[in-house]
Protein backbone atom coordinates (compact mmCIF):
# COMPACT_ATOMS: atom_id res chain seq x y z
CA MET A 1 8.99 4.17 22.97
CA ARG A 2 9.72 7.42 20.54
CA GLY A 3 9.26 6.89 17.40
CA GLN A 4 13.11 7.00 15.41
CA GLU A 5 14.23 9.60 13.01
CA ALA A 6 15.60 8.66 9.45
CA PRO A 7 19.00 7.39 9.87
CA ARG A 8 21.85 9.56 9.94
CA GLY A 9 23.55 10.92 7.03
CA VAL A 10 19.71 10.50 4.89
CA GLY A 11 18.34 14.51 5.76
CA PRO A 12 15.17 14.78 5.52
CA SER A 13 12.88 11.72 4.29
CA VAL A 14 9.73 10.21 4.42
CA GLN A 15 9.18 7.07 6.00
CA PHE A 16 7.09 4.19 3.84
CA ALA A 17 6.93 1.04 5.84
CA VAL A 18 4.68 -1.60 4.96
CA LEU A 19 3.45 -3.18 8.84
CA ALA A 20 1.53 -6.04 7.06
CA SER A 21 0.74 -6.85 3.74
CA GLY A 22 -1.55 -10.18 2.84
CA SER A 23 -4.91 -11.71 3.03
CA ARG A 24 -4.40 -11.79 6.80
CA GLY A 25 -4.18 -8.37 7.52
CA ASN A 26 -2.98 -4.48 5.82
CA ALA A 27 -1.37 -1.77 7.16
CA THR A 28 1.25 0.88 5.80
CA LEU A 29 2.53 3.65 8.12
CA VAL A 30 3.75 6.75 5.96
CA ARG A 31 5.25 9.42 7.94
CA GLY A 32 7.56 12.69 7.62
CA ASP A 33 8.93 14.94 10.86
CA GLY A 34 5.65 14.42 12.37
CA PRO A 35 2.84 11.59 13.61
CA GLY A 36 2.30 9.97 10.37
CA LEU A 37 -0.79 8.24 8.39
CA VAL A 38 -1.52 4.38 8.23
CA ILE A 39 -3.17 3.25 5.21
CA ASP A 40 -5.73 0.60 6.68
CA ALA A 41 -5.72 -0.98 9.67
CA GLY A 42 -5.97 -4.74 9.02
CA LEU A 43 -4.46 -5.80 11.87
CA GLY A 44 -5.38 -6.09 15.70
CA PRO A 45 -3.90 -3.45 18.21
CA ARG A 46 -1.54 -5.50 19.69
CA ALA A 47 -0.12 -6.90 16.50
CA MET A 48 -0.30 -3.12 14.86
CA ALA A 49 1.81 -2.19 18.24
CA GLU A 50 4.46 -4.62 17.83
CA ARG A 51 4.49 -3.55 13.98
CA LEU A 52 5.35 0.02 14.64
CA GLU A 53 7.45 -0.42 17.08
CA SER A 54 10.03 -3.02 14.64
CA VAL A 55 10.09 -0.29 12.15
CA GLY A 56 11.49 2.44 14.77
CA ALA A 57 7.72 4.02 15.65
CA CYS A 58 4.62 3.45 18.42
CA TRP A 59 1.13 4.59 18.58
CA SER A 60 1.78 8.06 19.18
CA ASP A 61 3.22 8.39 15.92
CA VAL A 62 -0.02 7.83 14.34
CA ALA A 63 -2.41 10.76 13.74
CA ALA A 64 -4.79 9.31 11.36
CA VAL A 65 -5.91 6.23 9.55
CA ALA A 66 -7.16 6.30 5.41
CA LEU A 67 -9.13 3.33 4.85
CA THR A 68 -9.01 1.70 0.89
CA HIS A 69 -12.17 -0.18 1.62
CA THR A 70 -14.24 -2.55 4.70
CA HIS A 71 -12.96 -6.10 4.26
CA ARG A 72 -11.95 -7.35 7.28
CA ASP A 73 -8.03 -7.53 6.56
CA HIS A 74 -8.06 -3.97 6.02
CA VAL A 75 -10.21 -3.26 9.10
CA ASP A 76 -9.78 -4.68 12.28
CA PRO A 77 -12.96 -3.68 14.60
CA GLY A 78 -10.44 -3.98 17.59
CA THR A 79 -7.78 -1.49 16.06
CA ILE A 80 -11.22 1.21 15.65
CA ALA A 81 -11.77 1.00 19.37
CA GLU A 82 -8.05 1.74 19.84
CA LEU A 83 -8.29 4.65 17.86
CA GLY A 84 -11.01 5.67 19.52
CA ARG A 85 -9.40 5.86 22.90
CA ARG A 86 -6.19 7.50 21.44
CA GLY A 87 -7.64 10.18 19.56
CA ILE A 88 -6.81 9.19 15.98
CA SER A 89 -8.76 10.26 13.51
CA LEU A 90 -9.98 7.75 10.59
CA HIS A 91 -10.87 8.51 6.69
CA CYS A 92 -13.60 6.66 5.16
CA HIS A 93 -15.17 6.92 1.93
CA GLU A 94 -18.65 7.75 2.63
CA SER A 95 -20.11 4.83 1.49
CA HIS A 96 -18.00 3.06 4.10
CA ARG A 97 -20.32 4.54 6.91
CA ALA A 98 -23.27 1.87 6.26
CA VAL A 99 -20.61 -0.80 6.97
CA LEU A 100 -18.52 0.27 9.47
CA ALA A 101 -21.69 2.05 11.36
CA ARG A 102 -21.93 -1.69 12.46
CA ASP A 103 -19.13 -1.32 14.49
CA PRO A 104 -19.42 0.50 18.05
CA GLY A 105 -16.11 1.15 18.57
CA PHE A 106 -16.68 3.15 14.62
CA ARG A 107 -20.23 4.80 16.09
CA GLN A 108 -17.80 5.85 19.40
CA MET A 109 -14.98 7.71 16.77
CA ASP A 110 -17.83 9.08 14.94
CA GLU A 111 -19.61 10.79 18.34
CA ALA A 112 -16.40 12.00 19.17
CA GLY A 113 -15.69 13.75 15.74
CA LEU A 114 -12.90 11.73 14.72
CA VAL A 115 -14.22 10.27 11.52
CA SER A 116 -14.03 12.40 8.06
CA THR A 117 -15.31 10.88 4.83
CA TYR A 118 -14.01 11.57 1.38
CA THR A 119 -15.64 11.22 -1.90
CA GLY A 120 -13.30 11.21 -5.44
CA ARG A 121 -11.90 14.89 -4.68
CA PRO A 122 -8.16 14.77 -2.49
CA PHE A 123 -8.72 15.50 0.98
CA LEU A 124 -6.29 16.95 3.46
CA THR A 125 -4.94 14.96 6.63
CA SER A 126 -4.05 16.20 10.30
CA THR A 127 -0.21 14.83 9.57
CA GLY A 128 0.18 17.17 6.69
CA ALA A 129 -0.33 14.36 4.00
CA ARG A 130 -2.38 15.16 0.44
CA VAL A 131 -4.42 12.35 -0.47
CA GLU A 132 -5.74 11.99 -3.73
CA PRO A 133 -8.54 8.74 -4.00
CA PHE A 134 -8.87 6.91 -7.35
CA PRO A 135 -11.84 4.22 -7.69
CA VAL A 136 -11.12 0.62 -8.47
CA GLU A 137 -12.74 -2.52 -9.03
CA HIS A 138 -13.15 -5.01 -6.12
CA ASP A 139 -15.63 -6.94 -4.48
CA GLY A 140 -15.38 -5.30 -0.88
CA GLY A 141 -17.88 -2.24 -1.90
CA ALA A 142 -16.12 1.16 -2.68
CA THR A 143 -12.68 0.58 -3.12
CA PHE A 144 -9.56 3.05 -3.43
CA GLY A 145 -6.39 3.57 -3.96
CA PHE A 146 -4.40 6.59 -2.96
CA ARG A 147 -2.16 9.09 -4.11
CA ILE A 148 0.01 10.44 -1.48
CA GLU A 149 2.10 13.67 -1.12
CA LEU A 150 3.44 14.23 2.14
CA SER A 151 6.51 16.75 2.74
CA PRO A 152 9.31 14.98 5.30
CA ALA A 153 10.00 18.84 6.59
CA ARG A 154 8.95 22.43 6.43
CA ARG A 155 10.44 24.00 3.14
CA THR A 156 11.28 20.76 1.45
CA ARG A 157 9.58 19.17 -1.95
CA ALA A 158 7.13 16.34 -1.40
CA VAL A 159 7.46 12.69 -1.80
CA SER A 160 5.18 11.04 -3.68
CA ILE A 161 3.55 7.66 -3.15
CA GLY A 162 1.11 5.64 -4.77
CA TYR A 163 -0.85 2.76 -3.23
CA LEU A 164 -2.95 -0.10 -5.25
CA ALA A 165 -3.87 -3.09 -2.60
CA ASP A 166 -6.87 -4.60 -4.12
CA THR A 167 -8.17 -4.39 -7.67
CA GLY A 168 -9.25 -7.21 -10.44
CA CYS A 169 -7.93 -4.80 -13.29
CA TRP A 170 -6.63 -1.30 -13.92
CA SER A 171 -6.53 1.28 -15.99
CA GLU A 172 -5.06 4.24 -18.23
CA SER A 173 -6.70 6.79 -15.75
CA MET A 174 -4.94 4.41 -12.70
CA VAL A 175 -1.61 4.90 -14.76
CA ASP A 176 -2.37 8.61 -15.09
CA ILE A 177 -2.86 8.93 -11.22
CA LEU A 178 0.26 6.89 -10.56
CA THR A 179 2.78 8.63 -12.97
CA ASP A 180 6.06 10.44 -11.59
CA VAL A 181 5.41 8.77 -8.13
CA ASP A 182 8.79 8.18 -6.29
CA VAL A 183 6.92 4.95 -4.42
CA LEU A 184 4.93 2.84 -6.19
CA GLY A 185 2.88 0.30 -4.59
CA VAL A 186 1.43 -2.27 -6.50
CA GLU A 187 -0.55 -5.48 -5.76
CA PHE A 188 1.12 -8.56 -7.28
CA ASN A 189 -1.22 -11.05 -5.61
CA HIS A 190 -0.70 -14.40 -7.50
CA ASP A 191 0.53 -16.37 -10.01
CA GLU A 192 -1.82 -17.72 -12.59
CA ALA A 193 -0.80 -20.86 -12.60
CA LEU A 194 -0.61 -21.74 -9.05
CA GLN A 195 -3.98 -19.74 -8.81
CA LYS A 196 -5.85 -22.60 -11.22
CA SER A 197 -3.78 -25.60 -9.69
CA SER A 198 -3.97 -24.38 -6.28
CA GLY A 199 -7.34 -27.12 -5.02
CA ARG A 200 -9.20 -24.01 -3.68
CA PRO A 201 -12.92 -24.13 -4.46
CA TRP A 202 -13.77 -22.91 -8.39
CA VAL A 203 -15.99 -20.08 -7.04
CA LEU A 204 -13.21 -18.62 -5.27
CA ILE A 205 -10.72 -19.45 -8.50
CA ARG A 206 -12.85 -17.52 -10.58
CA ARG A 207 -13.39 -14.59 -8.20
CA ASN A 208 -9.62 -13.97 -7.90
CA LEU A 209 -9.12 -13.97 -11.75
CA GLY A 210 -12.13 -11.72 -12.19
CA ASP A 211 -11.95 -7.95 -12.75
CA ARG A 212 -13.29 -7.62 -9.14
CA GLY A 213 -10.48 -9.85 -7.66
CA HIS A 214 -7.12 -9.06 -7.42
CA LEU A 215 -4.22 -8.39 -9.54
CA SER A 216 -2.25 -11.15 -10.87
CA ASN A 217 1.51 -11.27 -11.56
CA ARG A 218 1.39 -10.21 -14.92
CA GLN A 219 -1.39 -7.86 -14.19
CA GLY A 220 0.51 -5.89 -11.63
CA ALA A 221 3.36 -6.06 -14.08
CA GLU A 222 1.45 -4.62 -17.16
CA LEU A 223 0.51 -2.28 -14.78
CA VAL A 224 4.32 -1.40 -13.47
CA GLU A 225 5.34 -1.35 -16.97
CA ALA A 226 2.54 1.12 -18.13
CA VAL A 227 3.61 3.47 -15.35
CA LEU A 228 7.09 3.67 -15.95
CA ARG A 229 6.70 4.42 -19.23
CA ARG A 230 4.51 7.46 -18.70
CA SER A 231 6.71 8.64 -15.89
CA ARG A 232 9.83 10.71 -16.03
CA ARG A 233 13.46 8.58 -16.10
CA GLY A 234 14.08 8.27 -12.84
CA ALA A 235 11.17 9.92 -11.19
CA ILE A 236 9.83 6.17 -9.88
CA ARG A 237 12.99 5.22 -7.17
CA HIS A 238 10.87 1.74 -5.51
CA ILE A 239 8.63 -0.50 -6.73
CA VAL A 240 6.64 -2.54 -3.53
CA LEU A 241 4.84 -5.26 -4.34
CA LEU A 242 1.75 -5.69 -2.35
CA HIS A 243 -0.55 -8.42 -1.16
CA LEU A 244 0.87 -11.78 -2.49
CA SER A 245 -1.14 -14.59 -1.80
CA ASP A 246 0.75 -17.45 0.47
CA GLN A 247 -0.97 -19.90 -1.36
CA CYS A 248 -0.83 -18.88 -4.68
CA ASN A 249 2.04 -16.83 -5.47
CA ARG A 250 6.21 -16.88 -4.34
CA PRO A 251 7.83 -13.81 -3.38
CA ASP A 252 10.78 -14.85 -6.51
CA LEU A 253 7.80 -15.31 -9.15
CA ALA A 254 6.29 -11.55 -8.09
CA ILE A 255 9.61 -9.82 -7.83
CA ASP A 256 10.27 -11.85 -11.61
CA ALA A 257 7.61 -10.03 -13.11
CA ALA A 258 8.38 -6.82 -12.20
CA ARG A 259 12.03 -7.13 -12.68
CA GLY A 260 10.84 -7.82 -16.24
CA ALA A 261 8.72 -4.61 -16.59
CA VAL A 262 11.24 -2.75 -14.58
CA ARG A 263 13.86 -3.93 -17.80
CA ALA A 264 11.12 -3.79 -20.82
CA VAL A 265 11.32 -0.16 -19.79
CA GLY A 266 15.15 0.24 -19.55
CA ARG A 267 14.57 2.28 -15.86
CA ARG A 268 16.73 1.89 -12.46
CA VAL A 269 14.64 0.78 -9.81
CA VAL A 270 14.37 -0.97 -6.88
CA VAL A 271 11.63 -3.47 -6.21
CA HIS A 272 10.60 -4.91 -2.99
CA ALA A 273 8.11 -7.48 -2.03
CA ALA A 274 6.15 -6.80 1.05
CA SER A 275 5.57 -9.57 3.55
CA GLN A 276 2.35 -10.57 5.73
CA ASN A 277 5.34 -10.45 9.05
CA PRO A 278 7.52 -9.46 9.72
CA ALA A 279 7.39 -5.87 8.32
CA HIS A 280 8.91 -5.17 5.35
CA PRO A 281 10.29 -3.41 3.15
CA THR A 282 10.78 0.02 5.37
CA LEU A 283 12.32 3.03 2.95
CA TRP A 284 13.20 6.13 3.67
CA ILE A 285 13.02 8.81 0.82
CA ARG A 286 14.29 11.97 0.43
CA PRO A 287 12.39 14.52 -2.03
CA ALA A 288 13.83 14.41 -5.80
CA ARG A 289 16.24 16.43 -6.41
CA ARG A 290 15.20 19.51 -8.78
CA ASN A 291 18.67 19.19 -10.99
CA ALA A 292 17.44 14.86 -11.12
CA LEU A 293 14.08 15.59 -12.22
CA ALA A 294 15.46 18.19 -14.80
CA ALA A 295 17.79 14.90 -16.24
CA ALA A 296 15.16 12.74 -15.99
CA THR A 297 13.50 14.97 -19.31
CA VAL A 298 17.33 15.11 -21.22
CA PRO A 299 17.20 13.15 -24.40
CA GLY A 300 19.92 10.45 -25.42
CA THR A 301 20.20 8.88 -21.90
CA SER A 302 20.59 5.42 -21.85
CA ARG A 303 17.67 3.30 -21.57
CA PHE A 304 19.77 0.01 -20.91
CA SER A 305 19.84 -0.23 -16.92
CA SER A 306 19.36 -2.76 -14.43
CA ALA A 307 17.26 -3.66 -11.89
CA ARG A 308 18.51 -3.82 -8.43
CA ILE A 309 16.17 -6.63 -6.54
CA SER A 310 15.10 -6.73 -3.00
CA ASP A 311 12.40 -9.47 -1.64
CA ARG A 312 11.61 -10.82 1.62
CA ALA A 313 9.65 -13.98 1.36
CA ALA A 314 5.91 -13.98 3.44
CA LEU A 315 6.46 -15.98 6.07
CA ALA A 316 3.05 -18.14 6.62
CA GLY A 317 1.86 -18.98 10.28
CA PRO A 318 -0.95 -17.83 12.54
CA GLY A 319 -2.31 -14.79 12.25
CA LEU A 320 -5.58 -12.72 12.91
CA PHE A 321 -7.42 -13.41 9.58
CA ASP A 322 -6.76 -17.19 8.68
CA GLY A 323 -9.28 -17.96 6.54
CA LEU A 324 -9.60 -15.52 4.31
CA ASP A 325 -6.45 -16.87 2.43
CA SER A 326 -9.21 -20.31 2.71
CA GLY A 327 -12.13 -18.73 0.66
CA ASP A 328 -14.03 -18.60 4.33
CA SER A 329 -14.69 -14.76 3.45
CA ALA A 330 -14.81 -12.90 -0.14
CA GLY A 331 -11.70 -11.28 1.43
CA GLY A 332 -9.77 -14.34 0.79
CA SER A 333 -6.80 -13.76 -2.12
């Protein structure tokens, strides 16, 4: 099938579709009017094809993949081989090579000239997206968040996306990079009380609660509030809660925490809880209007607006990485 265009009447838009988010696989599609970029490739090739189809896309709508890190729930060997067969380029950090080079599919991609490495500087992909990586604290080796800028069509303003899926803590430098994005994706991995009472091995609980583990709902909300306070009014239109734990979180708990951060700042933002399966959310983001950005700085704008909430429960069920959420891997969450 051919990838669908933005819904009628929406106008030139960037699609942001979370194909999967959680310890059993992560992948997110970002595209404008041409083939798009997929952040992480943690689903197998068949599951990836099914999720793409569910959001109106297909493999031919993917031109590049960018990896945040090399934990198994973010990079699947079968999908790496599929990328090579389809001639889809792969962007990974230079330090990821030592891990990925053990995979024959990656070696074939590298020999075919399909692998590009990034450092700490922004890079361009063949999709037209500008990607600014920033380092985060996680025990998956070198791990990064991304700020992505993509224009939906020629001679249109860019849409900005912040993506931060795996980190145990946050910093003011992260807030700086994520300021004024249109879509803010932030990890809300666990509820601290549920994590501590989960019955999991204490070493896993301590890892997830640590500075190189995963953000809790409380930490994610604190980051969201910090980014909102530094952003212009009206700049951030959607907040997407990423990497919710099946065992130690619930969408309503994560949404309540995020809603508290939005209300504390007095903004109007749509909040979505991403799910492991099915793909959710799928957003079509139009570039911000110039007059809307100007209005964001007008003094006297009301600070008493409510957050609109959109939730979708993460559905537990058999998947590619069942062992990861039970502590069988460093990727467990």
